[in-house]
Amino acid sequence: MTLRDISVEKKRHIRELHRLNPWWNLKILAFLGIWAGCGLVAVSVPMLPVRLACYFVIGATLQGLAILMHEGVHRIMFRDRTLNRGVAFLCGLPALLSVTAYRVGHLPHHRYERGAGDPDEVENLSRDPRVVAGLLLLVLLAGELFGVWRVGPSNAMRGRPEERRDIIVEYVLIVMTFAVAFALVPPGILLHVWFIPALVA
């Protein structure tokens, strides 16, 4: 199938789907509100079932922010590239993700989706089904930690020099942000509102 094979009607519909609507980015504020509300409940109500529910919702919220970072990687949050990148960086921050590192690894995923060149395809890492099963289990049990390694250092090695520089700058900013958070926020609160939920994200 080529572009010529697509009807005028379908082309118009595709153009409609590509139209940017910055109002959709208000989801970020909704995610932050949900995170704050559940964080307050998790810290205030010392009941395990309540905390577990809050951890799950906060984890889903962190995942939602990371998904919005993905939108920024494709530059479909805002028309302004600087604003797009800045907001995408802030969305990836709670998940310890560099937007540039994610872009370096993610765009080839679309180019080679599910094929041999797809960096997101776990089956490309080994032909041994036991190794693949172990890696999938690792992703399931420690997805956040696995994701930070896969997105950060492994993608930085594949990037161009200017991308590697941007990745280093972004990770320095991430470390500085968390250093300030750990200095200002009691560890018990961070445990309930970020660390445990990030592990289940």
N, C-alpha and C. Protein backbone atom coordinates (compact mmCIF):
# COMPACT_ATOMS: atom_id res chain seq x y z
N MET A 1 0.85 -1.18 0.00
CA MET A 1 0.00 0.00 0.00
C MET A 1 0.89 1.24 0.00
N THR A 2 0.55 2.20 -0.83
CA THR A 2 1.28 3.46 -0.88
C THR A 2 0.32 4.60 -0.53
N LEU A 3 0.88 5.78 -0.43
CA LEU A 3 0.07 6.95 -0.11
C LEU A 3 -1.01 7.18 -1.16
N ARG A 4 -0.72 6.84 -2.42
CA ARG A 4 -1.70 7.02 -3.50
C ARG A 4 -2.93 6.13 -3.31
N ASP A 5 -2.74 5.01 -2.62
CA ASP A 5 -3.85 4.06 -2.43
C ASP A 5 -4.86 4.53 -1.38
N ILE A 6 -4.49 5.54 -0.60
CA ILE A 6 -5.38 6.01 0.47
C ILE A 6 -6.36 7.03 -0.11
N SER A 7 -7.61 6.86 0.19
CA SER A 7 -8.65 7.75 -0.34
C SER A 7 -8.50 9.16 0.23
N VAL A 8 -9.05 10.13 -0.48
CA VAL A 8 -9.03 11.52 -0.04
C VAL A 8 -9.71 11.65 1.32
N GLU A 9 -10.81 10.93 1.48
CA GLU A 9 -11.55 10.96 2.75
C GLU A 9 -10.67 10.47 3.91
N LYS A 10 -9.96 9.36 3.69
CA LYS A 10 -9.09 8.82 4.75
C LYS A 10 -7.93 9.77 5.03
N LYS A 11 -7.38 10.39 4.00
CA LYS A 11 -6.29 11.35 4.21
C LYS A 11 -6.77 12.52 5.06
N ARG A 12 -7.98 13.00 4.78
CA ARG A 12 -8.53 14.09 5.57
C ARG A 12 -8.72 13.66 7.02
N HIS A 13 -9.21 12.46 7.21
CA HIS A 13 -9.41 11.93 8.57
C HIS A 13 -8.06 11.80 9.30
N ILE A 14 -7.05 11.35 8.61
CA ILE A 14 -5.71 11.22 9.22
C ILE A 14 -5.18 12.59 9.62
N ARG A 15 -5.38 13.60 8.76
CA ARG A 15 -4.96 14.96 9.10
C ARG A 15 -5.67 15.46 10.35
N GLU A 16 -6.96 15.14 10.47
CA GLU A 16 -7.72 15.53 11.67
C GLU A 16 -7.11 14.91 12.92
N LEU A 17 -6.72 13.65 12.82
CA LEU A 17 -6.13 12.95 13.97
C LEU A 17 -4.78 13.53 14.35
N HIS A 18 -4.08 14.15 13.42
CA HIS A 18 -2.76 14.71 13.70
C HIS A 18 -2.83 16.15 14.21
N ARG A 19 -4.01 16.72 14.27
CA ARG A 19 -4.15 18.09 14.74
C ARG A 19 -3.84 18.16 16.23
N LEU A 20 -2.93 19.06 16.63
CA LEU A 20 -2.57 19.19 18.04
C LEU A 20 -3.67 19.89 18.80
N ASN A 21 -3.93 19.41 20.00
CA ASN A 21 -4.89 20.05 20.89
C ASN A 21 -4.23 20.19 22.26
N PRO A 22 -3.58 21.33 22.51
CA PRO A 22 -2.86 21.51 23.78
C PRO A 22 -3.74 21.35 25.02
N TRP A 23 -5.06 21.48 24.87
CA TRP A 23 -5.94 21.31 26.03
C TRP A 23 -5.87 19.90 26.59
N TRP A 24 -5.53 18.94 25.73
CA TRP A 24 -5.39 17.56 26.21
C TRP A 24 -4.29 17.45 27.26
N ASN A 25 -3.35 18.39 27.24
CA ASN A 25 -2.24 18.36 28.19
C ASN A 25 -2.67 18.67 29.62
N LEU A 26 -3.92 19.11 29.79
CA LEU A 26 -4.43 19.32 31.15
C LEU A 26 -4.48 18.01 31.94
N LYS A 27 -4.35 16.89 31.22
CA LYS A 27 -4.28 15.59 31.91
C LYS A 27 -3.11 15.58 32.89
N ILE A 28 -2.06 16.32 32.57
CA ILE A 28 -0.91 16.38 33.46
C ILE A 28 -1.34 16.90 34.82
N LEU A 29 -2.14 17.97 34.83
CA LEU A 29 -2.61 18.53 36.11
C LEU A 29 -3.51 17.54 36.83
N ALA A 30 -4.32 16.81 36.08
CA ALA A 30 -5.17 15.78 36.70
C ALA A 30 -4.31 14.71 37.35
N PHE A 31 -3.28 14.25 36.64
CA PHE A 31 -2.38 13.24 37.22
C PHE A 31 -1.70 13.76 38.48
N LEU A 32 -1.24 15.01 38.45
CA LEU A 32 -0.59 15.59 39.63
C LEU A 32 -1.56 15.70 40.79
N GLY A 33 -2.81 16.07 40.51
CA GLY A 33 -3.82 16.15 41.57
C GLY A 33 -4.12 14.79 42.17
N ILE A 34 -4.25 13.78 41.33
CA ILE A 34 -4.50 12.41 41.82
C ILE A 34 -3.32 11.95 42.67
N TRP A 35 -2.11 12.22 42.19
CA TRP A 35 -0.90 11.84 42.92
C TRP A 35 -0.88 12.51 44.30
N ALA A 36 -1.15 13.81 44.33
CA ALA A 36 -1.14 14.54 45.61
C ALA A 36 -2.22 14.02 46.55
N GLY A 37 -3.43 13.80 46.03
CA GLY A 37 -4.51 13.30 46.88
C GLY A 37 -4.23 11.92 47.44
N CYS A 38 -3.79 11.01 46.59
CA CYS A 38 -3.48 9.65 47.07
C CYS A 38 -2.27 9.66 47.99
N GLY A 39 -1.30 10.54 47.70
CA GLY A 39 -0.14 10.65 48.59
C GLY A 39 -0.55 11.10 49.97
N LEU A 40 -1.45 12.07 50.03
CA LEU A 40 -1.95 12.55 51.33
C LEU A 40 -2.66 11.44 52.09
N VAL A 41 -3.48 10.67 51.38
CA VAL A 41 -4.19 9.56 52.02
C VAL A 41 -3.20 8.49 52.48
N ALA A 42 -2.22 8.15 51.64
CA ALA A 42 -1.24 7.11 52.00
C ALA A 42 -0.44 7.48 53.24
N VAL A 43 -0.13 8.76 53.38
CA VAL A 43 0.64 9.21 54.54
C VAL A 43 -0.25 9.33 55.78
N SER A 44 -1.50 9.72 55.59
CA SER A 44 -2.40 10.01 56.72
C SER A 44 -3.13 8.80 57.27
N VAL A 45 -3.37 7.79 56.45
CA VAL A 45 -4.17 6.64 56.87
C VAL A 45 -3.25 5.41 56.96
N PRO A 46 -2.85 5.04 58.18
CA PRO A 46 -1.89 3.94 58.34
C PRO A 46 -2.54 2.55 58.28
N MET A 47 -3.36 2.33 57.27
CA MET A 47 -3.99 1.01 57.10
C MET A 47 -3.46 0.41 55.81
N LEU A 48 -2.95 -0.82 55.90
CA LEU A 48 -2.31 -1.45 54.76
C LEU A 48 -3.19 -1.50 53.51
N PRO A 49 -4.47 -1.92 53.60
CA PRO A 49 -5.28 -1.96 52.37
C PRO A 49 -5.42 -0.58 51.71
N VAL A 50 -5.55 0.45 52.52
CA VAL A 50 -5.67 1.82 51.99
C VAL A 50 -4.37 2.22 51.31
N ARG A 51 -3.26 1.94 51.99
CA ARG A 51 -1.96 2.29 51.42
C ARG A 51 -1.69 1.52 50.13
N LEU A 52 -2.03 0.24 50.11
CA LEU A 52 -1.81 -0.54 48.89
C LEU A 52 -2.60 0.04 47.72
N ALA A 53 -3.84 0.43 48.00
CA ALA A 53 -4.66 1.05 46.94
C ALA A 53 -4.02 2.35 46.47
N CYS A 54 -3.54 3.15 47.41
CA CYS A 54 -2.88 4.41 47.05
C CYS A 54 -1.60 4.16 46.25
N TYR A 55 -0.81 3.16 46.66
CA TYR A 55 0.41 2.84 45.91
C TYR A 55 0.07 2.48 44.47
N PHE A 56 -0.98 1.69 44.31
CA PHE A 56 -1.37 1.27 42.96
C PHE A 56 -1.80 2.48 42.12
N VAL A 57 -2.63 3.35 42.70
CA VAL A 57 -3.12 4.52 41.95
C VAL A 57 -1.97 5.48 41.65
N ILE A 58 -1.10 5.71 42.63
CA ILE A 58 0.05 6.60 42.38
C ILE A 58 0.95 5.99 41.31
N GLY A 59 1.18 4.67 41.39
CA GLY A 59 2.00 4.00 40.37
C GLY A 59 1.40 4.17 38.99
N ALA A 60 0.08 4.03 38.89
CA ALA A 60 -0.59 4.23 37.60
C ALA A 60 -0.46 5.68 37.14
N THR A 61 -0.49 6.60 38.09
CA THR A 61 -0.33 8.02 37.77
C THR A 61 1.08 8.30 37.24
N LEU A 62 2.08 7.71 37.90
CA LEU A 62 3.46 7.88 37.43
C LEU A 62 3.62 7.31 36.02
N GLN A 63 2.97 6.17 35.79
CA GLN A 63 3.00 5.56 34.46
C GLN A 63 2.29 6.46 33.45
N GLY A 64 1.19 7.07 33.86
CA GLY A 64 0.47 8.00 32.99
C GLY A 64 1.34 9.19 32.60
N LEU A 65 2.09 9.72 33.57
CA LEU A 65 3.00 10.83 33.26
C LEU A 65 4.09 10.39 32.28
N ALA A 66 4.60 9.17 32.47
CA ALA A 66 5.62 8.65 31.55
C ALA A 66 5.03 8.48 30.14
N ILE A 67 3.78 8.09 30.07
CA ILE A 67 3.13 7.96 28.76
C ILE A 67 2.99 9.33 28.10
N LEU A 68 2.70 10.35 28.90
CA LEU A 68 2.64 11.70 28.35
C LEU A 68 4.02 12.17 27.90
N MET A 69 5.08 11.72 28.61
CA MET A 69 6.44 12.01 28.14
C MET A 69 6.63 11.41 26.74
N HIS A 70 6.08 10.23 26.55
CA HIS A 70 6.14 9.57 25.24
C HIS A 70 5.51 10.46 24.17
N GLU A 71 4.40 11.11 24.50
CA GLU A 71 3.77 12.03 23.54
C GLU A 71 4.73 13.17 23.20
N GLY A 72 5.44 13.65 24.23
CA GLY A 72 6.43 14.70 24.00
C GLY A 72 7.58 14.25 23.13
N VAL A 73 7.98 12.99 23.27
CA VAL A 73 9.05 12.43 22.42
C VAL A 73 8.64 12.51 20.96
N HIS A 74 7.37 12.30 20.69
CA HIS A 74 6.86 12.40 19.32
C HIS A 74 6.50 13.84 18.94
N ARG A 75 6.75 14.76 19.87
CA ARG A 75 6.52 16.19 19.66
C ARG A 75 5.07 16.50 19.31
N ILE A 76 4.17 15.86 20.06
CA ILE A 76 2.75 16.11 19.79
C ILE A 76 2.02 16.69 21.00
N MET A 77 2.78 17.25 21.96
CA MET A 77 2.13 17.93 23.07
C MET A 77 1.87 19.39 22.74
N PHE A 78 2.91 20.07 22.25
CA PHE A 78 2.84 21.49 21.92
C PHE A 78 3.55 21.72 20.59
N ARG A 79 3.17 22.77 19.89
CA ARG A 79 3.86 23.12 18.64
C ARG A 79 5.27 23.64 18.92
N ASP A 80 5.43 24.37 20.01
CA ASP A 80 6.73 24.92 20.38
C ASP A 80 7.63 23.79 20.88
N ARG A 81 8.76 23.56 20.19
CA ARG A 81 9.64 22.43 20.53
C ARG A 81 10.23 22.55 21.93
N THR A 82 10.59 23.77 22.34
CA THR A 82 11.19 23.96 23.66
C THR A 82 10.17 23.65 24.74
N LEU A 83 8.95 24.15 24.60
CA LEU A 83 7.89 23.86 25.56
C LEU A 83 7.58 22.37 25.57
N ASN A 84 7.50 21.78 24.40
CA ASN A 84 7.22 20.36 24.27
C ASN A 84 8.27 19.53 25.02
N ARG A 85 9.55 19.85 24.78
CA ARG A 85 10.63 19.09 25.43
C ARG A 85 10.63 19.32 26.94
N GLY A 86 10.43 20.57 27.37
CA GLY A 86 10.43 20.87 28.81
C GLY A 86 9.33 20.15 29.55
N VAL A 87 8.12 20.18 29.01
CA VAL A 87 6.99 19.50 29.66
C VAL A 87 7.20 17.99 29.62
N ALA A 88 7.70 17.47 28.51
CA ALA A 88 7.98 16.03 28.42
C ALA A 88 9.03 15.63 29.45
N PHE A 89 10.06 16.46 29.64
CA PHE A 89 11.08 16.18 30.65
C PHE A 89 10.45 16.12 32.04
N LEU A 90 9.59 17.08 32.36
CA LEU A 90 8.93 17.10 33.68
C LEU A 90 8.04 15.88 33.87
N CYS A 91 7.40 15.42 32.80
CA CYS A 91 6.56 14.22 32.90
C CYS A 91 7.40 12.97 33.15
N GLY A 92 8.59 12.91 32.60
CA GLY A 92 9.46 11.75 32.80
C GLY A 92 10.23 11.79 34.11
N LEU A 93 10.33 12.95 34.71
CA LEU A 93 11.12 13.14 35.94
C LEU A 93 10.74 12.18 37.07
N PRO A 94 9.46 12.02 37.42
CA PRO A 94 9.13 11.11 38.53
C PRO A 94 9.52 9.66 38.26
N ALA A 95 9.64 9.28 36.99
CA ALA A 95 10.02 7.92 36.63
C ALA A 95 11.52 7.81 36.37
N LEU A 96 12.26 8.89 36.66
CA LEU A 96 13.72 8.93 36.47
C LEU A 96 14.10 8.74 35.00
N LEU A 97 13.28 9.26 34.09
CA LEU A 97 13.51 9.06 32.66
C LEU A 97 13.97 10.34 31.98
N SER A 98 15.04 10.25 31.24
CA SER A 98 15.51 11.35 30.40
C SER A 98 14.71 11.32 29.10
N VAL A 99 14.12 12.43 28.74
CA VAL A 99 13.31 12.48 27.53
C VAL A 99 14.19 12.26 26.29
N THR A 100 15.41 12.76 26.32
CA THR A 100 16.30 12.56 25.17
C THR A 100 16.72 11.10 25.05
N ALA A 101 17.06 10.48 26.17
CA ALA A 101 17.43 9.05 26.15
C ALA A 101 16.26 8.21 25.65
N TYR A 102 15.06 8.56 26.10
CA TYR A 102 13.89 7.81 25.65
C TYR A 102 13.71 7.97 24.14
N ARG A 103 13.89 9.19 23.64
CA ARG A 103 13.72 9.44 22.21
C ARG A 103 14.74 8.65 21.39
N VAL A 104 16.01 8.61 21.85
CA VAL A 104 17.06 7.89 21.13
C VAL A 104 16.68 6.42 20.94
N GLY A 105 16.11 5.81 21.97
CA GLY A 105 15.76 4.40 21.87
C GLY A 105 14.38 4.14 21.30
N HIS A 106 13.49 5.10 21.46
CA HIS A 106 12.10 4.83 21.12
C HIS A 106 11.80 5.01 19.63
N LEU A 107 12.38 6.00 19.00
CA LEU A 107 12.07 6.22 17.59
C LEU A 107 12.46 5.02 16.72
N PRO A 108 13.61 4.35 16.99
CA PRO A 108 13.89 3.12 16.24
C PRO A 108 12.84 2.02 16.48
N HIS A 109 12.21 2.04 17.65
CA HIS A 109 11.14 1.07 17.92
C HIS A 109 10.04 1.19 16.86
N HIS A 110 9.67 2.41 16.51
CA HIS A 110 8.63 2.59 15.49
C HIS A 110 9.14 2.24 14.09
N ARG A 111 10.41 2.48 13.86
CA ARG A 111 10.99 2.17 12.55
C ARG A 111 11.06 0.66 12.32
N TYR A 112 11.37 -0.11 13.38
CA TYR A 112 11.57 -1.56 13.24
C TYR A 112 10.61 -2.35 14.12
N GLU A 113 9.41 -1.86 14.30
CA GLU A 113 8.48 -2.43 15.27
C GLU A 113 8.38 -3.95 15.18
N ARG A 114 8.68 -4.59 16.33
CA ARG A 114 8.66 -6.04 16.52
C ARG A 114 9.67 -6.78 15.65
N GLY A 115 10.53 -6.04 14.94
CA GLY A 115 11.54 -6.67 14.09
C GLY A 115 12.89 -6.76 14.78
N ALA A 116 13.89 -7.18 14.03
CA ALA A 116 15.23 -7.39 14.59
C ALA A 116 15.87 -6.10 15.09
N GLY A 117 15.51 -4.95 14.53
CA GLY A 117 16.10 -3.69 14.96
C GLY A 117 15.34 -2.97 16.06
N ASP A 118 14.27 -3.57 16.57
CA ASP A 118 13.42 -2.94 17.59
C ASP A 118 14.10 -3.04 18.96
N PRO A 119 14.58 -1.90 19.53
CA PRO A 119 15.26 -1.96 20.82
C PRO A 119 14.31 -2.27 21.99
N ASP A 120 13.00 -2.14 21.79
CA ASP A 120 12.04 -2.44 22.85
C ASP A 120 11.59 -3.90 22.85
N GLU A 121 12.00 -4.65 21.86
CA GLU A 121 11.56 -6.05 21.75
C GLU A 121 12.48 -6.94 22.58
N VAL A 122 11.95 -7.45 23.70
CA VAL A 122 12.74 -8.28 24.62
C VAL A 122 13.27 -9.53 23.92
N GLU A 123 12.51 -10.06 22.99
CA GLU A 123 12.93 -11.28 22.29
C GLU A 123 14.17 -11.06 21.43
N ASN A 124 14.54 -9.81 21.17
CA ASN A 124 15.77 -9.54 20.41
C ASN A 124 17.02 -9.72 21.27
N LEU A 125 16.85 -9.79 22.58
CA LEU A 125 18.01 -9.89 23.47
C LEU A 125 18.57 -11.30 23.57
N SER A 126 17.74 -12.31 23.30
CA SER A 126 18.21 -13.70 23.39
C SER A 126 17.29 -14.60 22.59
N ARG A 127 17.86 -15.69 22.09
CA ARG A 127 17.06 -16.71 21.40
C ARG A 127 16.59 -17.77 22.39
N ASP A 128 17.18 -17.77 23.58
CA ASP A 128 16.84 -18.76 24.60
C ASP A 128 15.53 -18.37 25.28
N PRO A 129 14.47 -19.19 25.16
CA PRO A 129 13.18 -18.83 25.75
C PRO A 129 13.25 -18.64 27.27
N ARG A 130 14.17 -19.34 27.94
CA ARG A 130 14.30 -19.17 29.40
C ARG A 130 14.84 -17.79 29.74
N VAL A 131 15.79 -17.30 28.94
CA VAL A 131 16.33 -15.96 29.16
C VAL A 131 15.24 -14.91 28.90
N VAL A 132 14.49 -15.09 27.81
CA VAL A 132 13.40 -14.16 27.49
C VAL A 132 12.37 -14.17 28.61
N ALA A 133 12.00 -15.36 29.11
CA ALA A 133 11.04 -15.45 30.22
C ALA A 133 11.59 -14.75 31.45
N GLY A 134 12.87 -14.93 31.74
CA GLY A 134 13.49 -14.26 32.89
C GLY A 134 13.48 -12.75 32.74
N LEU A 135 13.76 -12.27 31.53
CA LEU A 135 13.73 -10.83 31.29
C LEU A 135 12.32 -10.26 31.42
N LEU A 136 11.34 -10.99 30.91
CA LEU A 136 9.95 -10.54 31.05
C LEU A 136 9.53 -10.52 32.52
N LEU A 137 9.99 -11.50 33.29
CA LEU A 137 9.71 -11.52 34.73
C LEU A 137 10.38 -10.33 35.42
N LEU A 138 11.62 -10.03 35.01
CA LEU A 138 12.32 -8.87 35.55
C LEU A 138 11.54 -7.59 35.27
N VAL A 139 11.04 -7.45 34.05
CA VAL A 139 10.24 -6.28 33.69
C VAL A 139 8.99 -6.21 34.56
N LEU A 140 8.35 -7.36 34.78
CA LEU A 140 7.13 -7.40 35.58
C LEU A 140 7.40 -7.03 37.03
N LEU A 141 8.47 -7.58 37.61
CA LEU A 141 8.74 -7.39 39.04
C LEU A 141 9.51 -6.10 39.34
N ALA A 142 10.33 -5.67 38.43
CA ALA A 142 11.15 -4.49 38.68
C ALA A 142 11.20 -3.62 37.43
N GLY A 143 10.03 -3.37 36.87
CA GLY A 143 9.95 -2.63 35.62
C GLY A 143 10.58 -1.26 35.69
N GLU A 144 10.41 -0.58 36.81
CA GLU A 144 10.96 0.77 36.95
C GLU A 144 12.49 0.73 36.87
N LEU A 145 13.10 -0.17 37.62
CA LEU A 145 14.56 -0.24 37.62
C LEU A 145 15.09 -0.69 36.26
N PHE A 146 14.43 -1.68 35.69
CA PHE A 146 14.82 -2.17 34.36
C PHE A 146 14.65 -1.06 33.33
N GLY A 147 13.55 -0.32 33.44
CA GLY A 147 13.27 0.76 32.50
C GLY A 147 14.29 1.88 32.58
N VAL A 148 14.70 2.22 33.81
CA VAL A 148 15.70 3.29 33.97
C VAL A 148 17.00 2.89 33.29
N TRP A 149 17.43 1.63 33.46
CA TRP A 149 18.66 1.18 32.80
C TRP A 149 18.47 1.16 31.28
N ARG A 150 17.37 0.59 30.83
CA ARG A 150 17.15 0.43 29.39
C ARG A 150 17.04 1.78 28.69
N VAL A 151 16.36 2.72 29.33
CA VAL A 151 16.17 4.03 28.71
C VAL A 151 17.42 4.89 28.86
N GLY A 152 18.03 4.89 30.04
CA GLY A 152 19.16 5.78 30.29
C GLY A 152 20.47 5.35 29.67
N PRO A 153 21.27 4.60 30.43
CA PRO A 153 22.62 4.26 29.95
C PRO A 153 22.64 3.50 28.63
N SER A 154 21.74 2.55 28.44
CA SER A 154 21.81 1.77 27.20
C SER A 154 21.49 2.62 25.98
N ASN A 155 20.55 3.56 26.10
CA ASN A 155 20.24 4.43 24.96
C ASN A 155 21.29 5.51 24.78
N ALA A 156 21.90 5.95 25.87
CA ALA A 156 22.94 6.98 25.76
C ALA A 156 24.10 6.48 24.91
N MET A 157 24.38 5.19 25.02
CA MET A 157 25.48 4.62 24.24
C MET A 157 25.18 4.64 22.74
N ARG A 158 23.90 4.63 22.38
CA ARG A 158 23.51 4.62 20.96
C ARG A 158 23.35 6.01 20.38
N GLY A 159 23.29 7.02 21.23
CA GLY A 159 22.99 8.37 20.77
C GLY A 159 24.16 9.06 20.08
N ARG A 160 23.84 10.10 19.34
CA ARG A 160 24.86 10.96 18.74
C ARG A 160 25.51 11.79 19.85
N PRO A 161 26.67 12.39 19.61
CA PRO A 161 27.35 13.15 20.67
C PRO A 161 26.47 14.22 21.33
N GLU A 162 25.69 14.96 20.52
CA GLU A 162 24.84 16.01 21.12
C GLU A 162 23.71 15.39 21.94
N GLU A 163 23.23 14.22 21.53
CA GLU A 163 22.19 13.54 22.31
C GLU A 163 22.78 13.01 23.62
N ARG A 164 24.00 12.48 23.58
CA ARG A 164 24.64 12.01 24.81
C ARG A 164 24.84 13.17 25.78
N ARG A 165 25.22 14.33 25.25
CA ARG A 165 25.38 15.52 26.10
C ARG A 165 24.05 15.88 26.75
N ASP A 166 22.98 15.91 25.96
CA ASP A 166 21.66 16.26 26.50
C ASP A 166 21.20 15.23 27.54
N ILE A 167 21.50 13.97 27.31
CA ILE A 167 21.13 12.92 28.27
C ILE A 167 21.85 13.14 29.59
N ILE A 168 23.15 13.47 29.52
CA ILE A 168 23.91 13.73 30.75
C ILE A 168 23.32 14.92 31.49
N VAL A 169 23.03 16.00 30.76
CA VAL A 169 22.44 17.19 31.39
C VAL A 169 21.11 16.84 32.05
N GLU A 170 20.27 16.09 31.35
CA GLU A 170 18.96 15.74 31.91
C GLU A 170 19.11 14.86 33.16
N TYR A 171 20.03 13.91 33.14
CA TYR A 171 20.21 13.08 34.34
C TYR A 171 20.83 13.85 35.49
N VAL A 172 21.68 14.83 35.21
CA VAL A 172 22.19 15.70 36.28
C VAL A 172 21.02 16.47 36.90
N LEU A 173 20.12 16.99 36.06
CA LEU A 173 18.94 17.70 36.58
C LEU A 173 18.04 16.77 37.39
N ILE A 174 17.88 15.53 36.94
CA ILE A 174 17.06 14.55 37.67
C ILE A 174 17.68 14.28 39.03
N VAL A 175 18.99 14.04 39.07
CA VAL A 175 19.68 13.76 40.34
C VAL A 175 19.58 14.97 41.26
N MET A 176 19.76 16.17 40.73
CA MET A 176 19.65 17.38 41.56
C MET A 176 18.25 17.53 42.13
N THR A 177 17.24 17.27 41.31
CA THR A 177 15.85 17.38 41.77
C THR A 177 15.59 16.41 42.91
N PHE A 178 16.04 15.17 42.75
CA PHE A 178 15.81 14.20 43.81
C PHE A 178 16.67 14.46 45.03
N ALA A 179 17.86 15.04 44.86
CA ALA A 179 18.69 15.41 46.01
C ALA A 179 17.96 16.46 46.85
N VAL A 180 17.37 17.44 46.18
CA VAL A 180 16.59 18.46 46.89
C VAL A 180 15.38 17.83 47.57
N ALA A 181 14.68 16.94 46.86
CA ALA A 181 13.51 16.27 47.46
C ALA A 181 13.91 15.48 48.70
N PHE A 182 15.01 14.73 48.63
CA PHE A 182 15.45 13.93 49.78
C PHE A 182 15.93 14.82 50.92
N ALA A 183 16.43 16.02 50.61
CA ALA A 183 16.88 16.94 51.65
C ALA A 183 15.70 17.62 52.34
N LEU A 184 14.62 17.86 51.62
CA LEU A 184 13.50 18.63 52.16
C LEU A 184 12.33 17.79 52.67
N VAL A 185 12.16 16.59 52.12
CA VAL A 185 10.99 15.77 52.45
C VAL A 185 11.45 14.59 53.30
N PRO A 186 10.77 14.35 54.43
CA PRO A 186 11.15 13.20 55.26
C PRO A 186 11.09 11.89 54.47
N PRO A 187 12.07 11.00 54.70
CA PRO A 187 12.13 9.74 53.95
C PRO A 187 10.85 8.91 54.03
N GLY A 188 10.17 8.91 55.18
CA GLY A 188 8.93 8.14 55.32
C GLY A 188 7.86 8.61 54.36
N ILE A 189 7.79 9.90 54.14
CA ILE A 189 6.80 10.43 53.20
C ILE A 189 7.17 10.05 51.77
N LEU A 190 8.45 10.22 51.42
CA LEU A 190 8.88 9.84 50.06
C LEU A 190 8.64 8.36 49.80
N LEU A 191 8.81 7.55 50.83
CA LEU A 191 8.58 6.11 50.69
C LEU A 191 7.14 5.85 50.24
N HIS A 192 6.18 6.53 50.87
CA HIS A 192 4.76 6.29 50.58
C HIS A 192 4.26 7.00 49.33
N VAL A 193 4.81 8.17 49.02
CA VAL A 193 4.25 8.94 47.90
C VAL A 193 5.02 8.78 46.60
N TRP A 194 6.23 8.18 46.67
CA TRP A 194 6.98 8.01 45.43
C TRP A 194 7.67 6.65 45.30
N PHE A 195 8.50 6.27 46.28
CA PHE A 195 9.37 5.11 46.10
C PHE A 195 8.59 3.81 45.90
N ILE A 196 7.71 3.47 46.85
CA ILE A 196 6.94 2.22 46.71
C ILE A 196 6.03 2.28 45.48
N PRO A 197 5.28 3.37 45.26
CA PRO A 197 4.46 3.43 44.04
C PRO A 197 5.28 3.31 42.75
N ALA A 198 6.49 3.89 42.74
CA ALA A 198 7.33 3.80 41.53
C ALA A 198 7.72 2.36 41.25
N LEU A 199 7.89 1.56 42.29
CA LEU A 199 8.25 0.16 42.09
C LEU A 199 7.11 -0.64 41.48
N VAL A 200 5.87 -0.23 41.75
CA VAL A 200 4.73 -0.97 41.18
C VAL A 200 4.21 -0.34 39.89
N ALA A 201 4.82 0.78 39.49
CA ALA A 201 4.36 1.48 38.27
C ALA A 201 4.56 0.63 37.03
